[in-house]
Amino acid sequence: MGMKDKFQDKSEQWQEQAKQKVQQGREKGQERGRQDQERGRPGQDPMHPMRERDEEAERLRREEEERFSQDYDA
């Protein structure tokens, strides 16, 4: 297995982990929203926390791609 294959495998692992974290965050957000509704608290904008998580996952993916492209250029 070449270096490029190892980097590709690692990249795919990180992307999958990022997706799992985003999904877990969404599930926690939904659970928190239900708890707030049960307590009678007004809910926050449900799109805002997800947008932040999606932006974080996208930022991590871009950083990862930049890191790998630098490794390939060297």
Protein backbone atom coordinates (compact mmCIF):
# COMPACT_ATOMS: atom_id res chain seq x y z
CA MET A 1 0.00 0.00 0.00
CA GLY A 2 1.48 3.30 -1.06
CA MET A 3 1.64 6.53 0.90
CA LYS A 4 -1.14 8.03 -1.19
CA ASP A 5 -3.43 5.09 -0.34
CA LYS A 6 -2.65 5.47 3.36
CA PHE A 7 -3.45 9.18 3.23
CA GLN A 8 -6.67 8.47 1.35
CA ASP A 9 -7.72 5.85 3.91
CA LYS A 10 -6.94 8.20 6.79
CA SER A 11 -8.82 11.00 5.08
CA GLU A 12 -11.87 8.80 4.66
CA GLN A 13 -11.68 7.78 8.32
CA TRP A 14 -11.54 11.42 9.43
CA GLN A 15 -14.43 12.36 7.18
CA GLU A 16 -16.52 9.51 8.58
CA GLN A 17 -15.65 10.53 12.13
CA ALA A 18 -16.64 14.13 11.35
CA LYS A 19 -19.97 12.95 9.93
CA GLN A 20 -20.58 10.84 13.04
CA LYS A 21 -19.83 13.79 15.32
CA VAL A 22 -22.21 15.98 13.33
CA GLN A 23 -24.93 13.34 13.60
CA GLN A 24 -24.34 12.94 17.33
CA GLY A 25 -24.52 16.71 17.74
CA ARG A 26 -27.81 16.80 15.87
CA GLU A 27 -29.22 14.04 18.05
CA LYS A 28 -28.12 15.86 21.21
CA GLY A 29 -29.62 19.08 19.90
CA GLN A 30 -32.92 17.38 19.19
CA GLU A 31 -32.89 15.81 22.65
CA ARG A 32 -32.13 19.19 24.24
CA GLY A 33 -34.94 20.76 22.25
CA ARG A 34 -37.41 18.18 23.51
CA GLN A 35 -36.25 18.71 27.09
CA ASP A 36 -36.63 22.49 26.75
CA GLN A 37 -40.12 22.07 25.32
CA GLU A 38 -41.07 19.80 28.22
CA ARG A 39 -39.85 22.45 30.65
CA GLY A 40 -41.73 25.15 28.78
CA ARG A 41 -38.61 27.00 27.66
CA PRO A 42 -38.75 28.72 24.33
CA GLY A 43 -36.56 26.88 21.84
CA GLN A 44 -33.59 28.41 20.13
CA ASP A 45 -33.31 28.54 16.40
CA PRO A 46 -32.75 24.85 15.60
CA MET A 47 -30.87 25.67 12.39
CA HIS A 48 -28.19 27.78 14.02
CA PRO A 49 -26.40 25.04 16.04
CA MET A 50 -26.52 22.65 13.10
CA ARG A 51 -25.09 25.30 10.79
CA GLU A 52 -22.16 25.78 13.18
CA ARG A 53 -21.52 22.03 13.30
CA ASP A 54 -21.75 21.74 9.51
CA GLU A 55 -19.32 24.65 9.14
CA GLU A 56 -16.95 22.97 11.61
CA ALA A 57 -17.08 19.69 9.68
CA GLU A 58 -16.50 21.56 6.41
CA ARG A 59 -13.56 23.49 7.93
CA LEU A 60 -11.99 20.25 9.16
CA ARG A 61 -12.43 18.66 5.74
CA ARG A 62 -10.78 21.66 4.00
CA GLU A 63 -7.87 21.66 6.45
CA GLU A 64 -7.42 17.95 5.90
CA GLU A 65 -7.40 18.37 2.11
CA GLU A 66 -4.87 21.21 2.37
CA ARG A 67 -2.63 19.10 4.60
CA PHE A 68 -2.75 16.17 2.16
CA SER A 69 -2.18 18.33 -0.90
CA GLN A 70 0.92 19.80 0.79
CA ASP A 71 2.17 16.28 1.49
CA TYR A 72 1.69 15.30 -2.16
CA ASP A 73 3.44 18.42 -3.43
CA ALA A 74 6.52 17.82 -1.28
